[in-house]
Amino acid sequence: MAAASFVGLIWRIKLAHTVSISAAPVGAWLTFLALLTGSIWGRPMWGTWWEWGDPRLTSELIMFFLYIGFIALHSSVDDLKKADRAGAILILVGAINVPIIHFSVEWWSSLHQGPTLFRADGPSIDPSMLYPLVLMILGFCFYFCALILIRIRGEILYRQQNTNWVRNLIARENYE
C-alpha cells in the first residue's frame, strides 16, 4: 500500500490509488485476524489475552487502527482525487509502523520470540516444520494477491461506472 500510495502521490497514477484502497480492507481483516488469533493463542501461553507492555502487540494494534483510519478517511471525502491524496499521505506516514512491528522484538523486551526464519545463521526451525511453513506462506501470499486483484477489478469498475466501456461491459454481461 505504501509503494502504491507513493507512486500515486508523486506520479499521479490513478491505478496506484486504486491498489491502495483495494488492499486496505483485506489488510485490515488480516490484521484483525492476527490480533484475534494471537490473543486466543496468547491466553494459555502467557496467561493473559492482551499485554499493553508488549511492543509487537501494541504496534500491530496501531497498524489495525491505521487501516481503519485510512478506510474511514477515504470514505469520508467526497472528491475522489482529494480522498486519494489524503489517504496516500496517511499511508506514507503510517508506513513507519511496519519496521517497528518487525523489529520490535529485537529492540525492546517482548513476549514474542525473536526471528525464526530470517536469521544471520539460518533458520532456527526444524526442516520438518520449515518446509510446510514456507509452502503455507507462499500459498497465503497467492491468496492475498488474488483477493487484492478481485478488489482492484471491482474498484476500477466503480470508479469508471459512468464511462461507455463499463456501460457496454454491463450491457454485454446482462445480454449473455
N, C-alpha and C. Protein backbone atom coordinates (compact mmCIF):
# COMPACT_ATOMS: atom_id res chain seq x y z
N MET A 1 0.82 -1.19 0.00
CA MET A 1 0.00 0.00 0.00
C MET A 1 0.86 1.25 0.00
N ALA A 2 1.95 1.22 0.76
CA ALA A 2 2.80 2.41 0.84
C ALA A 2 3.45 2.69 -0.52
N ALA A 3 3.92 1.65 -1.19
CA ALA A 3 4.55 1.84 -2.50
C ALA A 3 3.52 2.36 -3.50
N ALA A 4 2.33 1.79 -3.49
CA ALA A 4 1.28 2.25 -4.40
C ALA A 4 0.88 3.69 -4.09
N SER A 5 0.79 4.03 -2.82
CA SER A 5 0.44 5.40 -2.43
C SER A 5 1.52 6.38 -2.85
N PHE A 6 2.78 5.97 -2.71
CA PHE A 6 3.89 6.82 -3.13
C PHE A 6 3.82 7.09 -4.63
N VAL A 7 3.61 6.03 -5.40
CA VAL A 7 3.51 6.18 -6.86
C VAL A 7 2.32 7.07 -7.22
N GLY A 8 1.18 6.85 -6.57
CA GLY A 8 0.01 7.66 -6.86
C GLY A 8 0.17 9.11 -6.48
N LEU A 9 0.86 9.35 -5.38
CA LEU A 9 1.06 10.72 -4.90
C LEU A 9 2.07 11.47 -5.75
N ILE A 10 3.17 10.83 -6.10
CA ILE A 10 4.23 11.51 -6.85
C ILE A 10 3.92 11.59 -8.34
N TRP A 11 3.57 10.46 -8.95
CA TRP A 11 3.36 10.44 -10.40
C TRP A 11 1.89 10.52 -10.80
N ARG A 12 1.01 10.61 -9.82
CA ARG A 12 -0.44 10.77 -10.04
C ARG A 12 -1.02 9.69 -10.97
N ILE A 13 -0.64 8.47 -10.72
CA ILE A 13 -1.18 7.34 -11.47
C ILE A 13 -2.41 6.84 -10.74
N LYS A 14 -3.56 6.92 -11.39
CA LYS A 14 -4.83 6.57 -10.74
C LYS A 14 -4.88 5.12 -10.27
N LEU A 15 -4.29 4.23 -11.03
CA LEU A 15 -4.32 2.82 -10.67
C LEU A 15 -3.62 2.56 -9.33
N ALA A 16 -2.61 3.36 -9.02
CA ALA A 16 -1.90 3.18 -7.75
C ALA A 16 -2.83 3.45 -6.58
N HIS A 17 -3.64 4.49 -6.67
CA HIS A 17 -4.61 4.77 -5.61
C HIS A 17 -5.67 3.67 -5.54
N THR A 18 -6.01 3.13 -6.69
CA THR A 18 -6.97 2.02 -6.72
C THR A 18 -6.41 0.81 -5.98
N VAL A 19 -5.13 0.54 -6.15
CA VAL A 19 -4.49 -0.57 -5.44
C VAL A 19 -4.55 -0.32 -3.93
N SER A 20 -4.27 0.90 -3.51
CA SER A 20 -4.27 1.21 -2.07
C SER A 20 -5.64 1.01 -1.45
N ILE A 21 -6.66 1.57 -2.06
CA ILE A 21 -8.00 1.46 -1.47
C ILE A 21 -8.52 0.03 -1.56
N SER A 22 -8.05 -0.73 -2.53
CA SER A 22 -8.47 -2.13 -2.65
C SER A 22 -7.77 -3.02 -1.62
N ALA A 23 -6.54 -2.70 -1.29
CA ALA A 23 -5.78 -3.52 -0.35
C ALA A 23 -6.14 -3.24 1.11
N ALA A 24 -6.64 -2.05 1.40
CA ALA A 24 -6.87 -1.66 2.80
C ALA A 24 -7.84 -2.58 3.54
N PRO A 25 -9.03 -2.90 3.01
CA PRO A 25 -9.92 -3.79 3.76
C PRO A 25 -9.34 -5.19 3.97
N VAL A 26 -8.62 -5.69 2.98
CA VAL A 26 -8.00 -7.01 3.12
C VAL A 26 -6.93 -6.95 4.22
N GLY A 27 -6.11 -5.93 4.18
CA GLY A 27 -5.09 -5.76 5.22
C GLY A 27 -5.69 -5.59 6.60
N ALA A 28 -6.79 -4.83 6.68
CA ALA A 28 -7.45 -4.62 7.98
C ALA A 28 -7.99 -5.94 8.53
N TRP A 29 -8.64 -6.72 7.68
CA TRP A 29 -9.18 -8.01 8.13
C TRP A 29 -8.07 -8.96 8.56
N LEU A 30 -7.01 -9.02 7.80
CA LEU A 30 -5.91 -9.93 8.16
C LEU A 30 -5.22 -9.47 9.44
N THR A 31 -5.09 -8.17 9.62
CA THR A 31 -4.51 -7.66 10.87
C THR A 31 -5.42 -7.97 12.04
N PHE A 32 -6.72 -7.79 11.85
CA PHE A 32 -7.68 -8.12 12.90
C PHE A 32 -7.60 -9.60 13.26
N LEU A 33 -7.55 -10.46 12.23
CA LEU A 33 -7.45 -11.90 12.49
C LEU A 33 -6.15 -12.25 13.21
N ALA A 34 -5.06 -11.58 12.86
CA ALA A 34 -3.79 -11.83 13.56
C ALA A 34 -3.90 -11.43 15.03
N LEU A 35 -4.53 -10.29 15.29
CA LEU A 35 -4.69 -9.85 16.68
C LEU A 35 -5.62 -10.79 17.45
N LEU A 36 -6.71 -11.20 16.82
CA LEU A 36 -7.68 -12.08 17.48
C LEU A 36 -7.08 -13.46 17.76
N THR A 37 -6.53 -14.08 16.74
CA THR A 37 -5.98 -15.43 16.95
C THR A 37 -4.74 -15.39 17.84
N GLY A 38 -3.98 -14.30 17.76
CA GLY A 38 -2.84 -14.16 18.66
C GLY A 38 -3.27 -14.05 20.11
N SER A 39 -4.36 -13.35 20.35
CA SER A 39 -4.88 -13.25 21.72
C SER A 39 -5.41 -14.59 22.21
N ILE A 40 -6.09 -15.31 21.33
CA ILE A 40 -6.60 -16.64 21.70
C ILE A 40 -5.44 -17.57 22.02
N TRP A 41 -4.39 -17.53 21.21
CA TRP A 41 -3.22 -18.36 21.46
C TRP A 41 -2.45 -17.87 22.70
N GLY A 42 -2.39 -16.54 22.87
CA GLY A 42 -1.62 -15.97 23.96
C GLY A 42 -2.20 -16.22 25.34
N ARG A 43 -3.50 -16.42 25.42
CA ARG A 43 -4.13 -16.63 26.74
C ARG A 43 -3.54 -17.83 27.47
N PRO A 44 -3.49 -19.01 26.87
CA PRO A 44 -2.90 -20.13 27.61
C PRO A 44 -1.36 -20.05 27.70
N MET A 45 -0.72 -19.38 26.74
CA MET A 45 0.74 -19.32 26.74
C MET A 45 1.29 -18.29 27.72
N TRP A 46 0.67 -17.10 27.75
CA TRP A 46 1.17 -16.00 28.56
C TRP A 46 0.31 -15.73 29.79
N GLY A 47 -0.87 -16.35 29.83
CA GLY A 47 -1.76 -16.13 30.97
C GLY A 47 -2.59 -14.87 30.87
N THR A 48 -2.60 -14.24 29.71
CA THR A 48 -3.39 -13.02 29.52
C THR A 48 -3.81 -12.91 28.06
N TRP A 49 -4.97 -12.28 27.85
CA TRP A 49 -5.46 -12.07 26.48
C TRP A 49 -4.65 -10.99 25.78
N TRP A 50 -4.23 -9.99 26.56
CA TRP A 50 -3.57 -8.83 25.96
C TRP A 50 -2.56 -8.29 26.95
N GLU A 51 -1.43 -7.86 26.45
CA GLU A 51 -0.40 -7.25 27.29
C GLU A 51 0.00 -5.91 26.64
N TRP A 52 -0.45 -4.81 27.26
CA TRP A 52 -0.19 -3.49 26.68
C TRP A 52 1.30 -3.16 26.65
N GLY A 53 2.08 -3.78 27.50
CA GLY A 53 3.51 -3.50 27.53
C GLY A 53 4.28 -4.19 26.41
N ASP A 54 3.63 -5.07 25.66
CA ASP A 54 4.31 -5.78 24.58
C ASP A 54 4.35 -4.89 23.34
N PRO A 55 5.55 -4.55 22.85
CA PRO A 55 5.63 -3.62 21.72
C PRO A 55 5.05 -4.17 20.42
N ARG A 56 5.16 -5.47 20.19
CA ARG A 56 4.62 -6.01 18.94
C ARG A 56 3.10 -5.96 18.94
N LEU A 57 2.48 -6.33 20.04
CA LEU A 57 1.02 -6.28 20.13
C LEU A 57 0.52 -4.86 19.94
N THR A 58 1.13 -3.93 20.64
CA THR A 58 0.67 -2.54 20.58
C THR A 58 0.89 -1.94 19.19
N SER A 59 2.05 -2.19 18.59
CA SER A 59 2.30 -1.64 17.25
C SER A 59 1.41 -2.30 16.20
N GLU A 60 1.08 -3.57 16.39
CA GLU A 60 0.15 -4.24 15.47
C GLU A 60 -1.26 -3.65 15.59
N LEU A 61 -1.67 -3.32 16.81
CA LEU A 61 -2.96 -2.67 17.02
C LEU A 61 -2.98 -1.28 16.37
N ILE A 62 -1.87 -0.57 16.47
CA ILE A 62 -1.77 0.73 15.80
C ILE A 62 -1.91 0.55 14.29
N MET A 63 -1.31 -0.50 13.74
CA MET A 63 -1.44 -0.78 12.31
C MET A 63 -2.91 -1.02 11.94
N PHE A 64 -3.61 -1.77 12.78
CA PHE A 64 -5.03 -2.01 12.53
C PHE A 64 -5.80 -0.69 12.51
N PHE A 65 -5.52 0.19 13.47
CA PHE A 65 -6.19 1.49 13.51
C PHE A 65 -5.82 2.35 12.30
N LEU A 66 -4.60 2.21 11.80
CA LEU A 66 -4.21 2.94 10.59
C LEU A 66 -5.02 2.46 9.38
N TYR A 67 -5.20 1.15 9.27
CA TYR A 67 -6.05 0.63 8.19
C TYR A 67 -7.47 1.20 8.29
N ILE A 68 -8.05 1.11 9.49
CA ILE A 68 -9.41 1.60 9.68
C ILE A 68 -9.48 3.10 9.43
N GLY A 69 -8.47 3.83 9.91
CA GLY A 69 -8.43 5.28 9.67
C GLY A 69 -8.33 5.62 8.20
N PHE A 70 -7.53 4.87 7.45
CA PHE A 70 -7.42 5.10 6.02
C PHE A 70 -8.75 4.85 5.32
N ILE A 71 -9.40 3.75 5.66
CA ILE A 71 -10.69 3.43 5.04
C ILE A 71 -11.71 4.52 5.38
N ALA A 72 -11.75 4.94 6.64
CA ALA A 72 -12.70 5.98 7.06
C ALA A 72 -12.40 7.31 6.38
N LEU A 73 -11.13 7.68 6.33
CA LEU A 73 -10.74 8.94 5.69
C LEU A 73 -11.12 8.92 4.22
N HIS A 74 -10.80 7.85 3.53
CA HIS A 74 -11.08 7.77 2.10
C HIS A 74 -12.59 7.79 1.85
N SER A 75 -13.36 7.17 2.72
CA SER A 75 -14.81 7.13 2.54
C SER A 75 -15.48 8.45 2.89
N SER A 76 -14.85 9.25 3.75
CA SER A 76 -15.50 10.47 4.22
C SER A 76 -15.29 11.67 3.29
N VAL A 77 -14.32 11.59 2.40
CA VAL A 77 -14.05 12.70 1.48
C VAL A 77 -14.80 12.43 0.17
N ASP A 78 -15.63 13.39 -0.23
CA ASP A 78 -16.46 13.19 -1.43
C ASP A 78 -15.66 13.27 -2.73
N ASP A 79 -14.72 14.19 -2.81
CA ASP A 79 -13.91 14.34 -4.01
C ASP A 79 -12.87 13.21 -4.06
N LEU A 80 -12.95 12.37 -5.07
CA LEU A 80 -12.10 11.18 -5.16
C LEU A 80 -10.61 11.54 -5.22
N LYS A 81 -10.25 12.60 -5.94
CA LYS A 81 -8.84 12.99 -6.02
C LYS A 81 -8.31 13.43 -4.66
N LYS A 82 -9.12 14.20 -3.94
CA LYS A 82 -8.70 14.64 -2.60
C LYS A 82 -8.64 13.46 -1.64
N ALA A 83 -9.58 12.54 -1.76
CA ALA A 83 -9.58 11.34 -0.90
C ALA A 83 -8.34 10.50 -1.17
N ASP A 84 -8.00 10.33 -2.44
CA ASP A 84 -6.81 9.56 -2.80
C ASP A 84 -5.54 10.22 -2.24
N ARG A 85 -5.46 11.53 -2.37
CA ARG A 85 -4.28 12.26 -1.89
C ARG A 85 -4.17 12.19 -0.36
N ALA A 86 -5.26 12.46 0.33
CA ALA A 86 -5.24 12.42 1.80
C ALA A 86 -4.92 11.02 2.30
N GLY A 87 -5.52 10.02 1.66
CA GLY A 87 -5.25 8.64 2.05
C GLY A 87 -3.80 8.24 1.81
N ALA A 88 -3.25 8.70 0.69
CA ALA A 88 -1.85 8.38 0.38
C ALA A 88 -0.91 8.98 1.42
N ILE A 89 -1.19 10.20 1.84
CA ILE A 89 -0.36 10.83 2.86
C ILE A 89 -0.45 10.07 4.17
N LEU A 90 -1.66 9.67 4.57
CA LEU A 90 -1.83 8.90 5.80
C LEU A 90 -1.07 7.57 5.72
N ILE A 91 -1.15 6.90 4.59
CA ILE A 91 -0.45 5.62 4.44
C ILE A 91 1.06 5.81 4.52
N LEU A 92 1.58 6.84 3.87
CA LEU A 92 3.02 7.05 3.89
C LEU A 92 3.51 7.39 5.30
N VAL A 93 2.74 8.16 6.04
CA VAL A 93 3.11 8.45 7.43
C VAL A 93 3.00 7.18 8.27
N GLY A 94 1.94 6.41 8.05
CA GLY A 94 1.73 5.19 8.82
C GLY A 94 2.68 4.07 8.47
N ALA A 95 3.33 4.14 7.32
CA ALA A 95 4.25 3.07 6.90
C ALA A 95 5.45 2.94 7.82
N ILE A 96 5.74 3.98 8.59
CA ILE A 96 6.84 3.90 9.55
C ILE A 96 6.58 2.81 10.59
N ASN A 97 5.32 2.43 10.76
CA ASN A 97 4.96 1.42 11.75
C ASN A 97 5.40 0.01 11.32
N VAL A 98 5.56 -0.23 10.03
CA VAL A 98 5.91 -1.58 9.55
C VAL A 98 7.27 -2.04 10.09
N PRO A 99 8.35 -1.26 9.96
CA PRO A 99 9.61 -1.73 10.56
C PRO A 99 9.55 -1.79 12.09
N ILE A 100 8.74 -0.94 12.69
CA ILE A 100 8.59 -1.00 14.15
C ILE A 100 7.98 -2.34 14.55
N ILE A 101 6.96 -2.79 13.82
CA ILE A 101 6.35 -4.09 14.12
C ILE A 101 7.38 -5.20 13.94
N HIS A 102 8.11 -5.15 12.85
CA HIS A 102 9.06 -6.22 12.53
C HIS A 102 10.21 -6.30 13.55
N PHE A 103 10.81 -5.16 13.86
CA PHE A 103 11.99 -5.16 14.72
C PHE A 103 11.69 -4.98 16.20
N SER A 104 10.43 -4.86 16.57
CA SER A 104 10.08 -4.59 17.97
C SER A 104 10.61 -5.67 18.91
N VAL A 105 10.63 -6.91 18.47
CA VAL A 105 11.11 -7.99 19.35
C VAL A 105 12.62 -7.93 19.56
N GLU A 106 13.32 -7.27 18.67
CA GLU A 106 14.77 -7.12 18.82
C GLU A 106 15.13 -5.85 19.58
N TRP A 107 14.32 -4.81 19.42
CA TRP A 107 14.63 -3.52 20.04
C TRP A 107 14.22 -3.45 21.50
N TRP A 108 13.09 -4.09 21.85
CA TRP A 108 12.55 -3.98 23.20
C TRP A 108 12.27 -5.37 23.76
N SER A 109 12.11 -5.41 25.06
CA SER A 109 11.72 -6.65 25.72
C SER A 109 10.29 -6.98 25.33
N SER A 110 10.06 -8.21 24.91
CA SER A 110 8.76 -8.58 24.35
C SER A 110 8.37 -9.99 24.77
N LEU A 111 7.08 -10.23 24.77
CA LEU A 111 6.58 -11.59 24.99
C LEU A 111 6.88 -12.48 23.79
N HIS A 112 7.01 -11.86 22.62
CA HIS A 112 7.23 -12.61 21.38
C HIS A 112 8.69 -13.04 21.27
N GLN A 113 8.89 -14.16 20.58
CA GLN A 113 10.25 -14.63 20.33
C GLN A 113 10.88 -13.82 19.21
N GLY A 114 12.18 -13.91 19.11
CA GLY A 114 12.90 -13.23 18.05
C GLY A 114 12.70 -13.92 16.71
N PRO A 115 13.45 -13.51 15.70
CA PRO A 115 13.30 -14.10 14.37
C PRO A 115 13.56 -15.61 14.37
N THR A 116 12.77 -16.32 13.58
CA THR A 116 12.93 -17.76 13.45
C THR A 116 13.42 -18.12 12.05
N LEU A 117 12.87 -17.47 11.03
CA LEU A 117 13.22 -17.80 9.65
C LEU A 117 14.40 -16.99 9.13
N PHE A 118 14.35 -15.69 9.31
CA PHE A 118 15.34 -14.80 8.70
C PHE A 118 16.39 -14.40 9.73
N ARG A 119 17.33 -15.30 9.95
CA ARG A 119 18.41 -15.06 10.89
C ARG A 119 19.73 -15.12 10.14
N ALA A 120 20.74 -14.47 10.67
CA ALA A 120 22.06 -14.47 10.02
C ALA A 120 22.65 -15.87 9.93
N ASP A 121 22.40 -16.69 10.95
CA ASP A 121 22.95 -18.05 10.96
C ASP A 121 21.97 -19.09 10.42
N GLY A 122 20.96 -18.65 9.71
CA GLY A 122 19.99 -19.57 9.11
C GLY A 122 18.77 -19.78 10.00
N PRO A 123 17.74 -20.39 9.46
CA PRO A 123 16.51 -20.60 10.23
C PRO A 123 16.75 -21.48 11.45
N SER A 124 16.05 -21.15 12.53
CA SER A 124 16.20 -21.94 13.76
C SER A 124 15.01 -22.87 13.96
N ILE A 125 14.40 -23.26 12.86
CA ILE A 125 13.23 -24.13 12.91
C ILE A 125 13.59 -25.45 12.24
N ASP A 126 13.08 -26.53 12.76
CA ASP A 126 13.35 -27.85 12.21
C ASP A 126 12.83 -27.94 10.78
N PRO A 127 13.58 -28.58 9.87
CA PRO A 127 13.13 -28.69 8.48
C PRO A 127 11.75 -29.33 8.32
N SER A 128 11.38 -30.23 9.22
CA SER A 128 10.05 -30.85 9.11
C SER A 128 8.93 -29.84 9.32
N MET A 129 9.25 -28.71 9.95
CA MET A 129 8.27 -27.64 10.12
C MET A 129 8.53 -26.48 9.16
N LEU A 130 9.79 -26.32 8.76
CA LEU A 130 10.18 -25.20 7.90
C LEU A 130 9.52 -25.28 6.53
N TYR A 131 9.61 -26.43 5.87
CA TYR A 131 9.10 -26.54 4.51
C TYR A 131 7.58 -26.37 4.43
N PRO A 132 6.80 -26.99 5.31
CA PRO A 132 5.36 -26.71 5.27
C PRO A 132 5.04 -25.25 5.59
N LEU A 133 5.81 -24.64 6.50
CA LEU A 133 5.59 -23.24 6.83
C LEU A 133 5.83 -22.34 5.62
N VAL A 134 6.94 -22.56 4.93
CA VAL A 134 7.25 -21.77 3.74
C VAL A 134 6.20 -21.99 2.66
N LEU A 135 5.76 -23.23 2.47
CA LEU A 135 4.71 -23.53 1.50
C LEU A 135 3.42 -22.80 1.84
N MET A 136 3.04 -22.80 3.11
CA MET A 136 1.82 -22.11 3.52
C MET A 136 1.95 -20.60 3.39
N ILE A 137 3.13 -20.06 3.67
CA ILE A 137 3.35 -18.62 3.49
C ILE A 137 3.18 -18.25 2.02
N LEU A 138 3.76 -19.05 1.13
CA LEU A 138 3.60 -18.79 -0.31
C LEU A 138 2.14 -18.89 -0.74
N GLY A 139 1.45 -19.93 -0.28
CA GLY A 139 0.04 -20.08 -0.60
C GLY A 139 -0.79 -18.91 -0.09
N PHE A 140 -0.49 -18.47 1.11
CA PHE A 140 -1.21 -17.33 1.68
C PHE A 140 -0.94 -16.06 0.89
N CYS A 141 0.30 -15.88 0.43
CA CYS A 141 0.63 -14.71 -0.39
C CYS A 141 -0.14 -14.73 -1.71
N PHE A 142 -0.26 -15.90 -2.34
CA PHE A 142 -1.04 -16.01 -3.57
C PHE A 142 -2.51 -15.70 -3.30
N TYR A 143 -3.04 -16.19 -2.19
CA TYR A 143 -4.43 -15.92 -1.81
C TYR A 143 -4.63 -14.42 -1.60
N PHE A 144 -3.71 -13.78 -0.90
CA PHE A 144 -3.77 -12.35 -0.66
C PHE A 144 -3.77 -11.58 -1.98
N CYS A 145 -2.87 -11.95 -2.89
CA CYS A 145 -2.80 -11.29 -4.19
C CYS A 145 -4.09 -11.48 -4.99
N ALA A 146 -4.66 -12.67 -4.93
CA ALA A 146 -5.93 -12.93 -5.64
C ALA A 146 -7.04 -12.05 -5.08
N LEU A 147 -7.12 -11.93 -3.77
CA LEU A 147 -8.13 -11.06 -3.16
C LEU A 147 -7.94 -9.61 -3.59
N ILE A 148 -6.71 -9.16 -3.59
CA ILE A 148 -6.42 -7.78 -3.99
C ILE A 148 -6.80 -7.56 -5.45
N LEU A 149 -6.46 -8.49 -6.33
CA LEU A 149 -6.80 -8.34 -7.75
C LEU A 149 -8.31 -8.29 -7.97
N ILE A 150 -9.04 -9.11 -7.25
CA ILE A 150 -10.50 -9.09 -7.36
C ILE A 150 -11.05 -7.74 -6.90
N ARG A 151 -10.52 -7.23 -5.80
CA ARG A 151 -10.97 -5.94 -5.28
C ARG A 151 -10.56 -4.79 -6.22
N ILE A 152 -9.38 -4.89 -6.83
CA ILE A 152 -8.95 -3.86 -7.78
C ILE A 152 -9.90 -3.81 -8.97
N ARG A 153 -10.27 -4.98 -9.46
CA ARG A 153 -11.21 -5.03 -10.59
C ARG A 153 -12.52 -4.34 -10.22
N GLY A 154 -13.04 -4.64 -9.04
CA GLY A 154 -14.27 -4.00 -8.59
C GLY A 154 -14.13 -2.51 -8.40
N GLU A 155 -13.00 -2.07 -7.87
CA GLU A 155 -12.77 -0.64 -7.65
C GLU A 155 -12.64 0.10 -8.98
N ILE A 156 -11.99 -0.51 -9.97
CA ILE A 156 -11.88 0.12 -11.29
C ILE A 156 -13.27 0.28 -11.89
N LEU A 157 -14.09 -0.75 -11.81
CA LEU A 157 -15.45 -0.66 -12.35
C LEU A 157 -16.26 0.41 -11.61
N TYR A 158 -16.06 0.52 -10.29
CA TYR A 158 -16.78 1.54 -9.52
C TYR A 158 -16.34 2.94 -9.94
N ARG A 159 -15.04 3.14 -10.08
CA ARG A 159 -14.53 4.47 -10.43
C ARG A 159 -14.87 4.86 -11.87
N GLN A 160 -15.05 3.88 -12.72
CA GLN A 160 -15.32 4.15 -14.13
C GLN A 160 -16.78 3.86 -14.51
N GLN A 161 -17.66 3.82 -13.53
CA GLN A 161 -19.03 3.38 -13.78
C GLN A 161 -19.79 4.25 -14.78
N ASN A 162 -19.41 5.49 -14.95
CA ASN A 162 -20.12 6.37 -15.87
C ASN A 162 -19.46 6.45 -17.25
N THR A 163 -18.53 5.58 -17.53
CA THR A 163 -17.88 5.59 -18.83
C THR A 163 -18.56 4.59 -19.77
N ASN A 164 -18.36 4.81 -21.05
CA ASN A 164 -19.01 3.96 -22.05
C ASN A 164 -18.53 2.51 -21.98
N TRP A 165 -17.25 2.30 -21.76
CA TRP A 165 -16.74 0.94 -21.78
C TRP A 165 -17.34 0.10 -20.65
N VAL A 166 -17.61 0.72 -19.49
CA VAL A 166 -18.23 -0.02 -18.39
C VAL A 166 -19.70 -0.29 -18.71
N ARG A 167 -20.37 0.71 -19.26
CA ARG A 167 -21.78 0.51 -19.64
C ARG A 167 -21.90 -0.61 -20.68
N ASN A 168 -21.01 -0.62 -21.66
CA ASN A 168 -21.02 -1.68 -22.67
C ASN A 168 -20.73 -3.04 -22.05
N LEU A 169 -19.80 -3.08 -21.12
CA LEU A 169 -19.47 -4.33 -20.44
C LEU A 169 -20.67 -4.86 -19.66
N ILE A 170 -21.34 -3.98 -18.94
CA ILE A 170 -22.52 -4.38 -18.16
C ILE A 170 -23.64 -4.83 -19.09
N ALA A 171 -23.84 -4.10 -20.18
CA ALA A 171 -24.88 -4.48 -21.13
C ALA A 171 -24.58 -5.84 -21.75
N ARG A 172 -23.33 -6.09 -22.07
CA ARG A 172 -22.95 -7.38 -22.64
C ARG A 172 -23.14 -8.50 -21.63
N GLU A 173 -22.80 -8.26 -20.36
CA GLU A 173 -22.99 -9.26 -19.30
C GLU A 173 -24.47 -9.57 -19.10
N ASN A 174 -25.30 -8.55 -19.15
CA ASN A 174 -26.75 -8.75 -18.96
C ASN A 174 -27.37 -9.47 -20.15
N TYR A 175 -26.79 -9.25 -21.34
CA TYR A 175 -27.31 -9.88 -22.54
C TYR A 175 -27.01 -11.38 -22.55
N GLU A 176 -25.83 -11.74 -22.09
CA GLU A 176 -25.42 -13.15 -22.11
C GLU A 176 -26.10 -13.84 -20.99
